[in-house]
Amino acid sequence: MRQTTSKAGSSAHRRSLAAAIAGVALLAGVTAANAQSTGIASCDEFLTKYDACVGSKVPEAQRAMYKTQIDQTRKAWVDMAKNPSTKATMEATCKQTMDATKASLTAYGCSF
């Protein structure tokens, strides 16, 4: 009887472990997609700080809106960074965006 209980427990543990690993892999894929680099240090710094702030301090009910906005910004910046004529202005654009965004996120206790 002990052997049966042990096998059942072991099997349940393996399924639980497999589910946890699958969840981590899925989360890593989402994080990797969101963490796509622009190749511009100030832009990537802003995106990282914004993600951390929204993920940890913005109330759950409002997070989706902020995440949608940053995903659109990230995509636009990645596209701009690929274009030599717009890449030259990216450093200033990202710094201006960070300065403008700081004020709106300070209400949530975020600081960059």
Protein backbone atom coordinates (compact mmCIF):
# COMPACT_ATOMS: atom_id res chain seq x y z
CA MET A 1 0.00 0.00 0.00
CA ARG A 2 2.82 2.39 0.77
CA GLN A 3 4.32 1.79 -2.62
CA THR A 4 1.05 2.72 -4.34
CA THR A 5 0.73 5.92 -2.32
CA SER A 6 4.35 6.76 -3.01
CA LYS A 7 3.93 6.24 -6.77
CA ALA A 8 0.72 8.29 -6.82
CA GLY A 9 2.38 11.06 -4.86
CA SER A 10 5.44 10.90 -7.06
CA SER A 11 3.33 11.03 -10.21
CA ALA A 12 1.35 14.01 -8.93
CA HIS A 13 4.61 15.73 -7.99
CA ARG A 14 6.02 15.15 -11.50
CA ARG A 15 2.87 16.58 -13.12
CA SER A 16 3.00 19.59 -10.80
CA LEU A 17 6.68 20.10 -11.55
CA ALA A 18 6.08 19.78 -15.31
CA ALA A 19 3.26 22.34 -15.12
CA ALA A 20 5.50 24.73 -13.19
CA ILE A 21 8.31 24.35 -15.73
CA ALA A 22 5.89 24.93 -18.61
CA GLY A 23 4.60 28.06 -16.87
CA VAL A 24 8.10 29.41 -16.37
CA ALA A 25 8.95 28.71 -20.01
CA LEU A 26 5.81 30.51 -21.15
CA LEU A 27 6.57 33.47 -18.89
CA ALA A 28 10.13 33.59 -20.17
CA GLY A 29 8.82 33.73 -23.74
CA VAL A 30 6.50 36.61 -22.89
CA THR A 31 9.25 38.44 -21.03
CA ALA A 32 11.68 37.93 -23.90
CA ALA A 33 9.14 39.35 -26.34
CA ASN A 34 8.55 42.36 -24.11
CA ALA A 35 12.27 42.84 -23.50
CA GLN A 36 13.17 43.20 -27.17
CA SER A 37 16.11 45.56 -27.35
CA THR A 38 16.06 48.73 -29.41
CA GLY A 39 19.84 48.85 -29.45
CA ILE A 40 19.73 52.36 -27.94
CA ALA A 41 20.86 52.35 -24.30
CA SER A 42 18.59 55.15 -23.05
CA CYS A 43 15.56 53.59 -24.78
CA ASP A 44 16.23 50.14 -23.36
CA GLU A 45 16.83 51.63 -19.91
CA PHE A 46 13.48 53.44 -20.03
CA LEU A 47 11.62 50.35 -21.25
CA THR A 48 13.14 48.21 -18.48
CA LYS A 49 12.30 50.72 -15.76
CA TYR A 50 8.79 51.25 -17.12
CA ASP A 51 8.12 47.49 -17.21
CA ALA A 52 9.38 47.12 -13.63
CA CYS A 53 7.26 50.01 -12.40
CA VAL A 54 4.06 48.92 -14.12
CA GLY A 55 4.55 45.29 -13.14
CA SER A 56 5.13 46.02 -9.47
CA LYS A 57 3.38 49.27 -8.58
CA VAL A 58 0.49 50.02 -10.93
CA PRO A 59 -2.80 48.51 -9.74
CA GLU A 60 -3.80 45.35 -11.61
CA ALA A 61 -6.94 47.00 -13.00
CA GLN A 62 -4.83 49.61 -14.82
CA ARG A 63 -1.83 47.50 -15.84
CA ALA A 64 -3.21 46.31 -19.17
CA MET A 65 -3.57 49.88 -20.43
CA TYR A 66 0.01 50.77 -19.46
CA LYS A 67 1.40 47.53 -20.89
CA THR A 68 -0.40 48.09 -24.18
CA GLN A 69 1.06 51.59 -24.39
CA ILE A 70 4.60 50.43 -23.70
CA ASP A 71 4.32 47.52 -26.13
CA GLN A 72 3.29 49.98 -28.87
CA THR A 73 6.13 52.32 -27.92
CA ARG A 74 8.64 49.46 -27.89
CA LYS A 75 7.56 48.29 -31.36
CA ALA A 76 7.75 51.82 -32.75
CA TRP A 77 11.21 52.34 -31.25
CA VAL A 78 12.52 49.02 -32.53
CA ASP A 79 11.29 49.95 -36.01
CA MET A 80 12.77 53.45 -35.75
CA ALA A 81 16.12 52.04 -34.61
CA LYS A 82 16.28 49.96 -37.81
CA ASN A 83 16.03 53.09 -39.95
CA PRO A 84 19.31 55.02 -40.17
CA SER A 85 17.55 58.34 -40.70
CA THR A 86 15.47 58.03 -37.49
CA LYS A 87 18.00 56.13 -35.39
CA ALA A 88 20.09 59.29 -34.98
CA THR A 89 17.25 61.00 -33.08
CA MET A 90 16.37 58.04 -30.86
CA GLU A 91 18.56 58.97 -27.88
CA ALA A 92 16.84 62.34 -27.46
CA THR A 93 13.38 60.88 -28.16
CA CYS A 94 13.76 58.23 -25.48
CA LYS A 95 15.08 60.67 -22.89
CA GLN A 96 12.17 63.03 -23.57
CA THR A 97 9.71 60.16 -23.26
CA MET A 98 11.27 59.10 -19.95
CA ASP A 99 11.05 62.65 -18.59
CA ALA A 100 7.43 63.00 -19.68
CA THR A 101 6.45 59.61 -18.28
CA LYS A 102 8.12 60.08 -14.90
CA ALA A 103 5.47 62.55 -13.82
CA SER A 104 2.54 60.28 -14.68
CA LEU A 105 4.03 57.28 -12.88
CA THR A 106 5.19 59.07 -9.73
CA ALA A 107 1.62 58.83 -8.46
CA TYR A 108 2.17 55.05 -8.22
CA GLY A 109 5.47 55.42 -6.38
CA CYS A 110 7.66 54.76 -9.38
CA SER A 111 10.98 56.51 -9.74
CA PHE A 112 13.39 56.32 -12.63
